[in-house]
Amino acid sequence: MVLNEVFGLLKSIGAVRSESEFSRDWLGRSECYLRSTRFSGLEPSIHSVAVCASKLQHYGERMCATDAHRALGKEFIQLATQCHAHINSTAENTWMAAL
C-alpha cells in the first residue's frame, strides 16, 4: 500500500516519528487509525489516502521550487501520484462492480 511507502519516507527524513503521528498529521485520523485498519484487515479509507495525497502534493510543489529540496519534492509528488492512482483504481472497481 502506498501509505506504507509514504510513512517510510516521512520517517526516514524525520518528518514523523511514529505511525501514530503519521495517522494524525498526514491522514487526518486518530493516532490508532493505521494500527486499527491493519488489525482489522481493512484498507485505509479513500478519504485518508486523499488527505495524504493532498499534503504530499502541497509540500512537494513547494519543495520543488527550491534548489535544496527539489529531489525530495519530486519524491513527494510521485507518492501523491501513486495515492491518486490508488483512489482512481478503487473508485473504478466500485462503479464497475455495479454494472
PDB file of N, CA and C in Angstrom:
ATOM      1  N   MET A   1       0.843  -1.188   0.000  1.00  0.00           N
ATOM      2  CA  MET A   1       0.000   0.000   0.000  1.00  0.00           C
ATOM      3  C   MET A   1       0.882   1.243   0.000  1.00  0.00           C
ATOM      4  N   VAL A   2       0.488   2.205  -0.774  1.00  0.00           N
ATOM      5  CA  VAL A   2       1.278   3.426  -0.933  1.00  0.00           C
ATOM      6  C   VAL A   2       1.471   4.156   0.399  1.00  0.00           C
ATOM      7  N   LEU A   3       0.516   4.062   1.308  1.00  0.00           N
ATOM      8  CA  LEU A   3       0.678   4.762   2.584  1.00  0.00           C
ATOM      9  C   LEU A   3       1.863   4.219   3.377  1.00  0.00           C
ATOM     10  N   ASN A   4       2.179   2.959   3.201  1.00  0.00           N
ATOM     11  CA  ASN A   4       3.368   2.407   3.859  1.00  0.00           C
ATOM     12  C   ASN A   4       4.630   3.048   3.309  1.00  0.00           C
ATOM     13  N   GLU A   5       4.658   3.279   1.991  1.00  0.00           N
ATOM     14  CA  GLU A   5       5.803   3.963   1.375  1.00  0.00           C
ATOM     15  C   GLU A   5       5.919   5.389   1.881  1.00  0.00           C
ATOM     16  N   VAL A   6       4.778   6.069   1.959  1.00  0.00           N
ATOM     17  CA  VAL A   6       4.773   7.454   2.436  1.00  0.00           C
ATOM     18  C   VAL A   6       5.290   7.502   3.868  1.00  0.00           C
ATOM     19  N   PHE A   7       4.752   6.634   4.718  1.00  0.00           N
ATOM     20  CA  PHE A   7       5.199   6.602   6.109  1.00  0.00           C
ATOM     21  C   PHE A   7       6.702   6.346   6.193  1.00  0.00           C
ATOM     22  N   GLY A   8       7.190   5.383   5.421  1.00  0.00           N
ATOM     23  CA  GLY A   8       8.617   5.074   5.432  1.00  0.00           C
ATOM     24  C   GLY A   8       9.479   6.266   5.054  1.00  0.00           C
ATOM     25  N   LEU A   9       9.067   6.983   4.005  1.00  0.00           N
ATOM     26  CA  LEU A   9       9.833   8.161   3.587  1.00  0.00           C
ATOM     27  C   LEU A   9       9.787   9.240   4.658  1.00  0.00           C
ATOM     28  N   LEU A  10       8.597   9.538   5.151  1.00  0.00           N
ATOM     29  CA  LEU A  10       8.469  10.593   6.153  1.00  0.00           C
ATOM     30  C   LEU A  10       9.251  10.271   7.421  1.00  0.00           C
ATOM     31  N   LYS A  11       9.238   9.012   7.809  1.00  0.00           N
ATOM     32  CA  LYS A  11      10.006   8.621   8.995  1.00  0.00           C
ATOM     33  C   LYS A  11      11.504   8.735   8.727  1.00  0.00           C
ATOM     34  N   SER A  12      11.927   8.339   7.524  1.00  0.00           N
ATOM     35  CA  SER A  12      13.364   8.385   7.210  1.00  0.00           C
ATOM     36  C   SER A  12      13.912   9.812   7.178  1.00  0.00           C
ATOM     37  N   ILE A  13      13.074  10.785   6.860  1.00  0.00           N
ATOM     38  CA  ILE A  13      13.542  12.182   6.827  1.00  0.00           C
ATOM     39  C   ILE A  13      13.239  12.928   8.122  1.00  0.00           C
ATOM     40  N   GLY A  14      12.641  12.231   9.086  1.00  0.00           N
ATOM     41  CA  GLY A  14      12.362  12.842  10.385  1.00  0.00           C
ATOM     42  C   GLY A  14      11.113  13.699  10.419  1.00  0.00           C
ATOM     43  N   ALA A  15      10.246  13.579   9.416  1.00  0.00           N
ATOM     44  CA  ALA A  15       9.013  14.374   9.398  1.00  0.00           C
ATOM     45  C   ALA A  15       7.965  13.810  10.352  1.00  0.00           C
ATOM     46  N   VAL A  16       8.031  12.507  10.610  1.00  0.00           N
ATOM     47  CA  VAL A  16       7.189  11.870  11.626  1.00  0.00           C
ATOM     48  C   VAL A  16       8.066  10.898  12.409  1.00  0.00           C
ATOM     49  N   ARG A  17       7.670  10.663  13.646  1.00  0.00           N
ATOM     50  CA  ARG A  17       8.429   9.745  14.493  1.00  0.00           C
ATOM     51  C   ARG A  17       7.766   8.382  14.599  1.00  0.00           C
ATOM     52  N   SER A  18       6.443   8.346  14.363  1.00  0.00           N
ATOM     53  CA  SER A  18       5.725   7.098  14.594  1.00  0.00           C
ATOM     54  C   SER A  18       4.531   6.985  13.655  1.00  0.00           C
ATOM     55  N   GLU A  19       3.999   5.782  13.577  1.00  0.00           N
ATOM     56  CA  GLU A  19       2.798   5.533  12.792  1.00  0.00           C
ATOM     57  C   GLU A  19       1.621   6.331  13.371  1.00  0.00           C
ATOM     58  N   SER A  20       1.599   6.485  14.676  1.00  0.00           N
ATOM     59  CA  SER A  20       0.541   7.258  15.325  1.00  0.00           C
ATOM     60  C   SER A  20       0.573   8.715  14.869  1.00  0.00           C
ATOM     61  N   GLU A  21       1.761   9.284  14.849  1.00  0.00           N
ATOM     62  CA  GLU A  21       1.934  10.664  14.401  1.00  0.00           C
ATOM     63  C   GLU A  21       1.551  10.794  12.924  1.00  0.00           C
ATOM     64  N   PHE A  22       1.943   9.825  12.107  1.00  0.00           N
ATOM     65  CA  PHE A  22       1.587   9.816  10.694  1.00  0.00           C
ATOM     66  C   PHE A  22       0.065   9.766  10.514  1.00  0.00           C
ATOM     67  N   SER A  23      -0.599   8.894  11.249  1.00  0.00           N
ATOM     68  CA  SER A  23      -2.055   8.781  11.157  1.00  0.00           C
ATOM     69  C   SER A  23      -2.732  10.109  11.479  1.00  0.00           C
ATOM     70  N   ARG A  24      -2.269  10.751  12.514  1.00  0.00           N
ATOM     71  CA  ARG A  24      -2.865  12.015  12.959  1.00  0.00           C
ATOM     72  C   ARG A  24      -2.532  13.167  12.014  1.00  0.00           C
ATOM     73  N   ASP A  25      -1.245  13.335  11.697  1.00  0.00           N
ATOM     74  CA  ASP A  25      -0.804  14.532  10.984  1.00  0.00           C
ATOM     75  C   ASP A  25      -0.888  14.435   9.462  1.00  0.00           C
ATOM     76  N   TRP A  26      -0.814  13.234   8.904  1.00  0.00           N
ATOM     77  CA  TRP A  26      -0.791  13.093   7.445  1.00  0.00           C
ATOM     78  C   TRP A  26      -2.051  12.455   6.879  1.00  0.00           C
ATOM     79  N   LEU A  27      -2.828  11.785   7.733  1.00  0.00           N
ATOM     80  CA  LEU A  27      -4.068  11.169   7.258  1.00  0.00           C
ATOM     81  C   LEU A  27      -5.305  11.852   7.834  1.00  0.00           C
ATOM     82  N   GLY A  28      -5.103  12.708   8.828  1.00  0.00           N
ATOM     83  CA  GLY A  28      -6.223  13.399   9.450  1.00  0.00           C
ATOM     84  C   GLY A  28      -7.107  12.461  10.262  1.00  0.00           C
ATOM     85  N   ARG A  29      -6.502  11.459  10.843  1.00  0.00           N
ATOM     86  CA  ARG A  29      -7.238  10.441  11.601  1.00  0.00           C
ATOM     87  C   ARG A  29      -6.710  10.353  13.027  1.00  0.00           C
ATOM     88  N   SER A  30      -7.301   9.453  13.791  1.00  0.00           N
ATOM     89  CA  SER A  30      -6.846   9.250  15.165  1.00  0.00           C
ATOM     90  C   SER A  30      -5.463   8.579  15.154  1.00  0.00           C
ATOM     91  N   GLU A  31      -4.800   8.662  16.280  1.00  0.00           N
ATOM     92  CA  GLU A  31      -3.451   8.102  16.383  1.00  0.00           C
ATOM     93  C   GLU A  31      -3.419   6.589  16.185  1.00  0.00           C
ATOM     94  N   CYS A  32      -4.524   5.912  16.407  1.00  0.00           N
ATOM     95  CA  CYS A  32      -4.542   4.454  16.272  1.00  0.00           C
ATOM     96  C   CYS A  32      -5.107   4.011  14.920  1.00  0.00           C
ATOM     97  N   TYR A  33      -5.315   4.931  13.993  1.00  0.00           N
ATOM     98  CA  TYR A  33      -6.006   4.614  12.745  1.00  0.00           C
ATOM     99  C   TYR A  33      -5.320   3.509  11.936  1.00  0.00           C
ATOM    100  N   LEU A  34      -4.076   3.677  11.572  1.00  0.00           N
ATOM    101  CA  LEU A  34      -3.408   2.655  10.753  1.00  0.00           C
ATOM    102  C   LEU A  34      -3.277   1.331  11.490  1.00  0.00           C
ATOM    103  N   ARG A  35      -2.983   1.397  12.751  1.00  0.00           N
ATOM    104  CA  ARG A  35      -2.885   0.179  13.551  1.00  0.00           C
ATOM    105  C   ARG A  35      -4.229  -0.560  13.562  1.00  0.00           C
ATOM    106  N   SER A  36      -5.312   0.186  13.700  1.00  0.00           N
ATOM    107  CA  SER A  36      -6.657  -0.411  13.718  1.00  0.00           C
ATOM    108  C   SER A  36      -7.028  -1.020  12.373  1.00  0.00           C
ATOM    109  N   THR A  37      -6.701  -0.321  11.269  1.00  0.00           N
ATOM    110  CA  THR A  37      -7.035  -0.874   9.953  1.00  0.00           C
ATOM    111  C   THR A  37      -6.232  -2.142   9.693  1.00  0.00           C
ATOM    112  N   ARG A  38      -4.979  -2.150  10.088  1.00  0.00           N
ATOM    113  CA  ARG A  38      -4.142  -3.332   9.902  1.00  0.00           C
ATOM    114  C   ARG A  38      -4.676  -4.500  10.734  1.00  0.00           C
ATOM    115  N   PHE A  39      -5.029  -4.241  11.993  1.00  0.00           N
ATOM    116  CA  PHE A  39      -5.549  -5.273  12.879  1.00  0.00           C
ATOM    117  C   PHE A  39      -6.860  -5.843  12.347  1.00  0.00           C
ATOM    118  N   SER A  40      -7.689  -4.979  11.768  1.00  0.00           N
ATOM    119  CA  SER A  40      -8.986  -5.401  11.240  1.00  0.00           C
ATOM    120  C   SER A  40      -8.892  -6.003   9.848  1.00  0.00           C
ATOM    121  N   GLY A  41      -7.721  -5.886   9.219  1.00  0.00           N
ATOM    122  CA  GLY A  41      -7.546  -6.401   7.859  1.00  0.00           C
ATOM    123  C   GLY A  41      -8.217  -5.532   6.808  1.00  0.00           C
ATOM    124  N   LEU A  42      -8.405  -4.258   7.129  1.00  0.00           N
ATOM    125  CA  LEU A  42      -9.066  -3.323   6.214  1.00  0.00           C
ATOM    126  C   LEU A  42      -8.060  -2.430   5.521  1.00  0.00           C
ATOM    127  N   GLU A  43      -8.416  -1.971   4.343  1.00  0.00           N
ATOM    128  CA  GLU A  43      -7.620  -0.968   3.640  1.00  0.00           C
ATOM    129  C   GLU A  43      -7.932   0.405   4.244  1.00  0.00           C
ATOM    130  N   PRO A  44      -6.973   1.307   4.268  1.00  0.00           N
ATOM    131  CA  PRO A  44      -7.273   2.673   4.697  1.00  0.00           C
ATOM    132  C   PRO A  44      -8.348   3.285   3.784  1.00  0.00           C
ATOM    133  N   SER A  45      -9.129   4.168   4.327  1.00  0.00           N
ATOM    134  CA  SER A  45     -10.213   4.775   3.565  1.00  0.00           C
ATOM    135  C   SER A  45      -9.675   5.654   2.440  1.00  0.00           C
ATOM    136  N   ILE A  46     -10.492   5.814   1.423  1.00  0.00           N
ATOM    137  CA  ILE A  46     -10.140   6.696   0.313  1.00  0.00           C
ATOM    138  C   ILE A  46      -9.947   8.120   0.830  1.00  0.00           C
ATOM    139  N   HIS A  47     -10.750   8.518   1.792  1.00  0.00           N
ATOM    140  CA  HIS A  47     -10.611   9.852   2.391  1.00  0.00           C
ATOM    141  C   HIS A  47      -9.205  10.041   2.965  1.00  0.00           C
ATOM    142  N   SER A  48      -8.720   9.042   3.692  1.00  0.00           N
ATOM    143  CA  SER A  48      -7.380   9.130   4.288  1.00  0.00           C
ATOM    144  C   SER A  48      -6.298   9.220   3.223  1.00  0.00           C
ATOM    145  N   VAL A  49      -6.434   8.422   2.177  1.00  0.00           N
ATOM    146  CA  VAL A  49      -5.460   8.443   1.083  1.00  0.00           C
ATOM    147  C   VAL A  49      -5.512   9.795   0.375  1.00  0.00           C
ATOM    148  N   ALA A  50      -6.719  10.341   0.206  1.00  0.00           N
ATOM    149  CA  ALA A  50      -6.865  11.643  -0.463  1.00  0.00           C
ATOM    150  C   ALA A  50      -6.244  12.772   0.356  1.00  0.00           C
ATOM    151  N   VAL A  51      -6.432  12.749   1.657  1.00  0.00           N
ATOM    152  CA  VAL A  51      -5.821  13.773   2.524  1.00  0.00           C
ATOM    153  C   VAL A  51      -4.305  13.694   2.414  1.00  0.00           C
ATOM    154  N   CYS A  52      -3.780  12.486   2.457  1.00  0.00           N
ATOM    155  CA  CYS A  52      -2.332  12.296   2.345  1.00  0.00           C
ATOM    156  C   CYS A  52      -1.832  12.782   0.986  1.00  0.00           C
ATOM    157  N   ALA A  53      -2.531  12.432  -0.085  1.00  0.00           N
ATOM    158  CA  ALA A  53      -2.133  12.866  -1.434  1.00  0.00           C
ATOM    159  C   ALA A  53      -2.105  14.386  -1.532  1.00  0.00           C
ATOM    160  N   SER A  54      -3.094  15.029  -0.953  1.00  0.00           N
ATOM    161  CA  SER A  54      -3.158  16.488  -0.996  1.00  0.00           C
ATOM    162  C   SER A  54      -1.967  17.119  -0.277  1.00  0.00           C
ATOM    163  N   LYS A  55      -1.633  16.595   0.893  1.00  0.00           N
ATOM    164  CA  LYS A  55      -0.490  17.131   1.641  1.00  0.00           C
ATOM    165  C   LYS A  55       0.821  16.890   0.900  1.00  0.00           C
ATOM    166  N   LEU A  56       0.968  15.689   0.355  1.00  0.00           N
ATOM    167  CA  LEU A  56       2.183  15.381  -0.406  1.00  0.00           C
ATOM    168  C   LEU A  56       2.334  16.324  -1.595  1.00  0.00           C
ATOM    169  N   GLN A  57       1.248  16.538  -2.317  1.00  0.00           N
ATOM    170  CA  GLN A  57       1.274  17.431  -3.480  1.00  0.00           C
ATOM    171  C   GLN A  57       1.632  18.855  -3.053  1.00  0.00           C
ATOM    172  N   HIS A  58       0.974  19.314  -2.000  1.00  0.00           N
ATOM    173  CA  HIS A  58       1.207  20.675  -1.491  1.00  0.00           C
ATOM    174  C   HIS A  58       2.685  20.893  -1.134  1.00  0.00           C
ATOM    175  N   TYR A  59       3.212  20.018  -0.285  1.00  0.00           N
ATOM    176  CA  TYR A  59       4.595  20.183   0.149  1.00  0.00           C
ATOM    177  C   TYR A  59       5.584  19.854  -0.964  1.00  0.00           C
ATOM    178  N   GLY A  60       5.245  18.896  -1.805  1.00  0.00           N
ATOM    179  CA  GLY A  60       6.119  18.556  -2.921  1.00  0.00           C
ATOM    180  C   GLY A  60       6.315  19.723  -3.871  1.00  0.00           C
ATOM    181  N   GLU A  61       5.230  20.415  -4.193  1.00  0.00           N
ATOM    182  CA  GLU A  61       5.331  21.568  -5.093  1.00  0.00           C
ATOM    183  C   GLU A  61       6.184  22.667  -4.485  1.00  0.00           C
ATOM    184  N   ARG A  62       6.037  22.886  -3.198  1.00  0.00           N
ATOM    185  CA  ARG A  62       6.830  23.923  -2.544  1.00  0.00           C
ATOM    186  C   ARG A  62       8.303  23.547  -2.485  1.00  0.00           C
ATOM    187  N   MET A  63       8.586  22.281  -2.237  1.00  0.00           N
ATOM    188  CA  MET A  63       9.986  21.842  -2.193  1.00  0.00           C
ATOM    189  C   MET A  63      10.621  21.884  -3.579  1.00  0.00           C
ATOM    190  N   CYS A  64       9.848  21.584  -4.610  1.00  0.00           N
ATOM    191  CA  CYS A  64      10.374  21.628  -5.980  1.00  0.00           C
ATOM    192  C   CYS A  64      10.757  23.046  -6.393  1.00  0.00           C
ATOM    193  N   ALA A  65      10.209  24.019  -5.708  1.00  0.00           N
ATOM    194  CA  ALA A  65      10.522  25.414  -6.016  1.00  0.00           C
ATOM    195  C   ALA A  65      11.846  25.858  -5.392  1.00  0.00           C
ATOM    196  N   THR A  66      12.502  24.960  -4.662  1.00  0.00           N
ATOM    197  CA  THR A  66      13.790  25.290  -4.040  1.00  0.00           C
ATOM    198  C   THR A  66      14.876  24.387  -4.613  1.00  0.00           C
ATOM    199  N   ASP A  67      16.082  24.873  -4.591  1.00  0.00           N
ATOM    200  CA  ASP A  67      17.201  24.047  -5.038  1.00  0.00           C
ATOM    201  C   ASP A  67      17.526  22.967  -4.012  1.00  0.00           C
ATOM    202  N   ALA A  68      17.452  23.326  -2.752  1.00  0.00           N
ATOM    203  CA  ALA A  68      17.883  22.422  -1.687  1.00  0.00           C
ATOM    204  C   ALA A  68      16.984  21.196  -1.536  1.00  0.00           C
ATOM    205  N   HIS A  69      15.709  21.317  -1.863  1.00  0.00           N
ATOM    206  CA  HIS A  69      14.776  20.224  -1.583  1.00  0.00           C
ATOM    207  C   HIS A  69      14.047  19.714  -2.825  1.00  0.00           C
ATOM    208  N   ARG A  70      14.542  20.054  -3.997  1.00  0.00           N
ATOM    209  CA  ARG A  70      13.868  19.671  -5.255  1.00  0.00           C
ATOM    210  C   ARG A  70      13.719  18.154  -5.394  1.00  0.00           C
ATOM    211  N   ALA A  71      14.751  17.396  -5.108  1.00  0.00           N
ATOM    212  CA  ALA A  71      14.691  15.934  -5.258  1.00  0.00           C
ATOM    213  C   ALA A  71      13.646  15.328  -4.318  1.00  0.00           C
ATOM    214  N   LEU A  72      13.621  15.789  -3.091  1.00  0.00           N
ATOM    215  CA  LEU A  72      12.635  15.293  -2.137  1.00  0.00           C
ATOM    216  C   LEU A  72      11.233  15.708  -2.565  1.00  0.00           C
ATOM    217  N   GLY A  73      11.103  16.914  -3.074  1.00  0.00           N
ATOM    218  CA  GLY A  73       9.813  17.378  -3.571  1.00  0.00           C
ATOM    219  C   GLY A  73       9.285  16.488  -4.686  1.00  0.00           C
ATOM    220  N   LYS A  74      10.184  16.055  -5.559  1.00  0.00           N
ATOM    221  CA  LYS A  74       9.781  15.147  -6.641  1.00  0.00           C
ATOM    222  C   LYS A  74       9.314  13.807  -6.084  1.00  0.00           C
ATOM    223  N   GLU A  75       9.962  13.332  -5.027  1.00  0.00           N
ATOM    224  CA  GLU A  75       9.522  12.092  -4.379  1.00  0.00           C
ATOM    225  C   GLU A  75       8.122  12.258  -3.793  1.00  0.00           C
ATOM    226  N   PHE A  76       7.877  13.403  -3.157  1.00  0.00           N
ATOM    227  CA  PHE A  76       6.557  13.672  -2.594  1.00  0.00           C
ATOM    228  C   PHE A  76       5.503  13.669  -3.702  1.00  0.00           C
ATOM    229  N   ILE A  77       5.801  14.320  -4.804  1.00  0.00           N
ATOM    230  CA  ILE A  77       4.843  14.393  -5.909  1.00  0.00           C
ATOM    231  C   ILE A  77       4.609  13.008  -6.506  1.00  0.00           C
ATOM    232  N   GLN A  78       5.649  12.203  -6.624  1.00  0.00           N
ATOM    233  CA  GLN A  78       5.496  10.831  -7.131  1.00  0.00           C
ATOM    234  C   GLN A  78       4.590  10.018  -6.210  1.00  0.00           C
ATOM    235  N   LEU A  79       4.787  10.163  -4.908  1.00  0.00           N
ATOM    236  CA  LEU A  79       3.926   9.443  -3.969  1.00  0.00           C
ATOM    237  C   LEU A  79       2.493   9.957  -4.034  1.00  0.00           C
ATOM    238  N   ALA A  80       2.312  11.263  -4.223  1.00  0.00           N
ATOM    239  CA  ALA A  80       0.959  11.812  -4.386  1.00  0.00           C
ATOM    240  C   ALA A  80       0.297  11.208  -5.623  1.00  0.00           C
ATOM    241  N   THR A  81       1.056  11.056  -6.691  1.00  0.00           N
ATOM    242  CA  THR A  81       0.539  10.448  -7.920  1.00  0.00           C
ATOM    243  C   THR A  81       0.128   9.001  -7.658  1.00  0.00           C
ATOM    244  N   GLN A  82       0.918   8.273  -6.886  1.00  0.00           N
ATOM    245  CA  GLN A  82       0.560   6.897  -6.536  1.00  0.00           C
ATOM    246  C   GLN A  82      -0.719   6.859  -5.697  1.00  0.00           C
ATOM    247  N   CYS A  83      -0.866   7.807  -4.783  1.00  0.00           N
ATOM    248  CA  CYS A  83      -2.096   7.890  -3.984  1.00  0.00           C
ATOM    249  C   CYS A  83      -3.300   8.129  -4.891  1.00  0.00           C
ATOM    250  N   HIS A  84      -3.155   9.061  -5.831  1.00  0.00           N
ATOM    251  CA  HIS A  84      -4.263   9.355  -6.757  1.00  0.00           C
ATOM    252  C   HIS A  84      -4.593   8.134  -7.613  1.00  0.00           C
ATOM    253  N   ALA A  85      -3.596   7.394  -8.036  1.00  0.00           N
ATOM    254  CA  ALA A  85      -3.836   6.186  -8.825  1.00  0.00           C
ATOM    255  C   ALA A  85      -4.603   5.153  -8.003  1.00  0.00           C
ATOM    256  N   HIS A  86      -4.259   5.035  -6.732  1.00  0.00           N
ATOM    257  CA  HIS A  86      -4.981   4.113  -5.842  1.00  0.00           C
ATOM    258  C   HIS A  86      -6.439   4.554  -5.693  1.00  0.00           C
ATOM    259  N   ILE A  87      -6.647   5.841  -5.504  1.00  0.00           N
ATOM    260  CA  ILE A  87      -8.012   6.367  -5.378  1.00  0.00           C
ATOM    261  C   ILE A  87      -8.806   6.064  -6.639  1.00  0.00           C
ATOM    262  N   ASN A  88      -8.224   6.342  -7.791  1.00  0.00           N
ATOM    263  CA  ASN A  88      -8.926   6.109  -9.061  1.00  0.00           C
ATOM    264  C   ASN A  88      -9.219   4.634  -9.274  1.00  0.00           C
ATOM    265  N   SER A  89      -8.274   3.783  -8.967  1.00  0.00           N
ATOM    266  CA  SER A  89      -8.465   2.346  -9.132  1.00  0.00           C
ATOM    267  C   SER A  89      -9.587   1.831  -8.234  1.00  0.00           C
ATOM    268  N   THR A  90      -9.588   2.270  -6.993  1.00  0.00           N
ATOM    269  CA  THR A  90     -10.622   1.857  -6.047  1.00  0.00           C
ATOM    270  C   THR A  90     -11.993   2.346  -6.496  1.00  0.00           C
ATOM    271  N   ALA A  91     -12.064   3.587  -6.942  1.00  0.00           N
ATOM    272  CA  ALA A  91     -13.337   4.139  -7.417  1.00  0.00           C
ATOM    273  C   ALA A  91     -13.825   3.384  -8.649  1.00  0.00           C
ATOM    274  N   GLU A  92     -12.922   3.092  -9.555  1.00  0.00           N
ATOM    275  CA  GLU A  92     -13.306   2.358 -10.767  1.00  0.00           C
ATOM    276  C   GLU A  92     -13.806   0.968 -10.422  1.00  0.00           C
ATOM    277  N   ASN A  93     -13.130   0.280  -9.502  1.00  0.00           N
ATOM    278  CA  ASN A  93     -13.589  -1.042  -9.087  1.00  0.00           C
ATOM    279  C   ASN A  93     -14.992  -0.966  -8.489  1.00  0.00           C
ATOM    280  N   THR A  94     -15.295   0.110  -7.772  1.00  0.00           N
ATOM    281  CA  THR A  94     -16.599   0.273  -7.179  1.00  0.00           C
ATOM    282  C   THR A  94     -17.696   0.421  -8.226  1.00  0.00           C
ATOM    283  N   TRP A  95     -17.496   1.326  -9.189  1.00  0.00           N
ATOM    284  CA  TRP A  95     -18.557   1.526 -10.164  1.00  0.00           C
ATOM    285  C   TRP A  95     -18.618   0.396 -11.190  1.00  0.00           C
ATOM    286  N   MET A  96     -17.482  -0.236 -11.476  1.00  0.00           N
ATOM    287  CA  MET A  96     -17.502  -1.355 -12.416  1.00  0.00           C
ATOM    288  C   MET A  96     -18.246  -2.563 -11.808  1.00  0.00           C
ATOM    289  N   ALA A  97     -18.119  -2.750 -10.515  1.00  0.00           N
ATOM    290  CA  ALA A  97     -18.800  -3.856  -9.856  1.00  0.00           C
ATOM    291  C   ALA A  97     -20.314  -3.685  -9.886  1.00  0.00           C
ATOM    292  N   ALA A  98     -20.744  -2.439 -10.012  1.00  0.00           N
ATOM    293  CA  ALA A  98     -22.181  -2.148 -10.032  1.00  0.00           C
ATOM    294  C   ALA A  98     -22.802  -2.369 -11.415  1.00  0.00           C
ATOM    295  N   LEU A  99     -21.993  -2.573 -12.436  1.00  0.00           N
ATOM    296  CA  LEU A  99     -22.525  -2.760 -13.801  1.00  0.00           C
ATOM    297  C   LEU A  99     -23.166  -4.107 -13.973  1.00  0.00           C
TER     298      LEU A  99
END
